[in-house]
Amino acid sequence: MKEPIILSGKVVRGKALGRTVGMPTANLCIEDGTIPEEGVYVTRIRIGDGVYTSVTNIGRRPTVDDESYITVETFIIDFDKEIYGEQAVLEVHQFLRPIRKFDSLKEVQEQVQKDVEAAKIYFQEK
């Protein structure tokens, strides 16, 4: 079994656009680890004493802006806590798909739900 890539950093505020369509993300300011190539990944995130299944977008966000900087945004499945300023450790397990531009946030939401199902299946099979 391939070892996950480990990234760590603090949860910081983003644009909060995901929140508007019911999928808030933890935006990580990476302090340690080598960031993998751009894409969407099956991940696990450790915050405090908890470990949560998640899906992470690493890279640009062509649907919401034209910025060239890389972001690490994690949608934590079945999670609803205030975690700004918390330290997090992200385990990057498997590449799911490349980043692409969607026509709307609704389309992003639909794709993220497919990504969430893929993440759940990935960890059930482990």
Protein backbone atom coordinates (compact mmCIF):
# COMPACT_ATOMS: atom_id res chain seq x y z
CA MET A 1 0.00 0.00 0.00
CA LYS A 2 1.31 3.43 -0.94
CA GLU A 3 1.83 5.80 2.00
CA PRO A 4 -0.26 8.99 1.94
CA ILE A 5 1.37 12.36 1.36
CA ILE A 6 1.28 14.32 4.63
CA LEU A 7 0.67 18.08 4.72
CA SER A 8 0.18 20.21 7.79
CA GLY A 9 -0.86 23.76 8.44
CA LYS A 10 -3.38 26.12 9.92
CA VAL A 11 -7.02 26.45 8.88
CA VAL A 12 -7.48 29.98 7.47
CA ARG A 13 -10.38 31.98 6.11
CA GLY A 14 -11.12 31.76 2.40
CA LYS A 15 -13.80 33.42 0.28
CA ALA A 16 -16.55 31.34 1.96
CA LEU A 17 -18.19 30.60 -1.40
CA GLY A 18 -18.60 26.89 -0.64
CA ARG A 19 -20.62 27.81 2.42
CA THR A 20 -23.21 29.47 0.15
CA VAL A 21 -24.03 26.11 -1.47
CA GLY A 22 -23.84 23.94 1.64
CA MET A 23 -20.27 22.71 1.24
CA PRO A 24 -17.95 24.75 3.44
CA THR A 25 -14.26 23.97 3.09
CA ALA A 26 -11.30 24.15 5.43
CA ASN A 27 -8.70 26.27 3.66
CA LEU A 28 -5.23 25.23 4.75
CA CYS A 29 -2.15 27.42 4.88
CA ILE A 30 0.43 24.67 4.39
CA GLU A 31 3.41 24.97 6.71
CA ASP A 32 4.99 21.54 6.22
CA GLY A 33 5.03 18.93 3.45
CA THR A 34 5.39 18.83 -0.31
CA ILE A 35 2.18 19.76 -2.10
CA PRO A 36 1.26 17.23 -4.82
CA GLU A 37 0.21 18.13 -8.36
CA GLU A 38 -3.01 20.03 -8.89
CA GLY A 39 -6.18 17.98 -8.68
CA VAL A 40 -8.91 16.64 -6.44
CA TYR A 41 -7.91 13.98 -3.92
CA VAL A 42 -9.36 11.51 -1.41
CA THR A 43 -8.02 12.70 1.94
CA ARG A 44 -8.27 12.38 5.69
CA ILE A 45 -7.84 15.37 7.94
CA ARG A 46 -6.80 15.38 11.58
CA ILE A 47 -8.00 18.28 13.70
CA GLY A 48 -7.52 18.06 17.45
CA ASP A 49 -8.40 14.53 18.53
CA GLY A 50 -10.57 13.81 15.49
CA VAL A 51 -9.79 12.20 12.14
CA TYR A 52 -12.28 12.83 9.33
CA THR A 53 -12.78 11.57 5.79
CA SER A 54 -12.52 14.39 3.30
CA VAL A 55 -12.08 15.48 -0.31
CA THR A 56 -9.42 18.07 -1.10
CA ASN A 57 -8.94 20.42 -4.06
CA ILE A 58 -5.27 21.27 -4.49
CA GLY A 59 -4.62 23.99 -7.03
CA ARG A 60 -6.38 26.84 -8.71
CA ARG A 61 -10.15 27.40 -8.64
CA PRO A 62 -11.17 28.27 -12.21
CA THR A 63 -14.90 28.22 -11.45
CA VAL A 64 -14.70 30.95 -8.79
CA ASP A 65 -11.71 33.11 -9.76
CA ASP A 66 -8.86 33.63 -12.21
CA GLU A 67 -6.12 33.69 -9.57
CA SER A 68 -2.94 31.77 -10.35
CA TYR A 69 -2.03 30.85 -6.78
CA ILE A 70 -2.46 27.33 -5.42
CA THR A 71 -4.98 26.67 -2.66
CA VAL A 72 -5.54 23.59 -0.51
CA GLU A 73 -9.27 23.39 0.25
CA THR A 74 -10.75 20.44 2.10
CA PHE A 75 -14.42 19.50 2.26
CA ILE A 76 -14.79 17.48 5.45
CA ILE A 77 -17.59 14.91 5.19
CA ASP A 78 -20.32 15.11 7.88
CA PHE A 79 -18.50 17.86 9.77
CA ASP A 80 -19.85 21.11 11.18
CA LYS A 81 -17.46 22.79 13.61
CA GLU A 82 -15.74 26.15 13.76
CA ILE A 83 -12.05 25.39 13.12
CA TYR A 84 -10.47 28.67 11.96
CA GLY A 85 -6.99 28.96 13.44
CA GLU A 86 -6.76 25.24 14.27
CA GLN A 87 -3.73 23.18 13.25
CA ALA A 88 -4.56 20.36 10.85
CA VAL A 89 -2.73 17.38 9.38
CA LEU A 90 -3.93 16.35 5.93
CA GLU A 91 -3.31 12.84 4.61
CA VAL A 92 -3.50 12.86 0.79
CA HIS A 93 -4.42 9.30 -0.22
CA GLN A 94 -5.57 9.09 -3.83
CA PHE A 95 -5.91 11.30 -6.90
CA LEU A 96 -9.56 11.45 -8.01
CA ARG A 97 -9.63 13.83 -10.95
CA PRO A 98 -8.04 16.88 -12.53
CA ILE A 99 -9.28 20.38 -11.76
CA ARG A 100 -11.73 21.77 -14.26
CA LYS A 101 -13.91 24.82 -14.72
CA PHE A 102 -17.63 24.34 -14.08
CA ASP A 103 -20.40 26.61 -15.33
CA SER A 104 -21.83 27.21 -11.85
CA LEU A 105 -21.36 26.52 -8.15
CA LYS A 106 -24.31 24.13 -8.42
CA GLU A 107 -22.31 22.01 -10.89
CA VAL A 108 -19.35 22.12 -8.49
CA GLN A 109 -21.65 20.94 -5.69
CA GLU A 110 -22.92 18.03 -7.82
CA GLN A 111 -19.35 16.98 -8.66
CA VAL A 112 -18.22 17.25 -5.04
CA GLN A 113 -21.04 14.89 -4.05
CA LYS A 114 -19.65 12.34 -6.55
CA ASP A 115 -16.18 12.92 -5.11
CA VAL A 116 -17.51 12.38 -1.58
CA GLU A 117 -19.02 9.04 -2.61
CA ALA A 118 -15.68 8.00 -4.16
CA ALA A 119 -13.88 8.93 -0.91
CA LYS A 120 -16.31 6.91 1.20
CA ILE A 121 -15.87 3.89 -1.06
CA TYR A 122 -12.07 4.28 -1.00
CA PHE A 123 -11.93 4.10 2.79
CA GLN A 124 -14.53 1.29 3.02
CA GLU A 125 -12.26 -0.82 0.83
CA LYS A 126 -9.19 -0.15 2.99
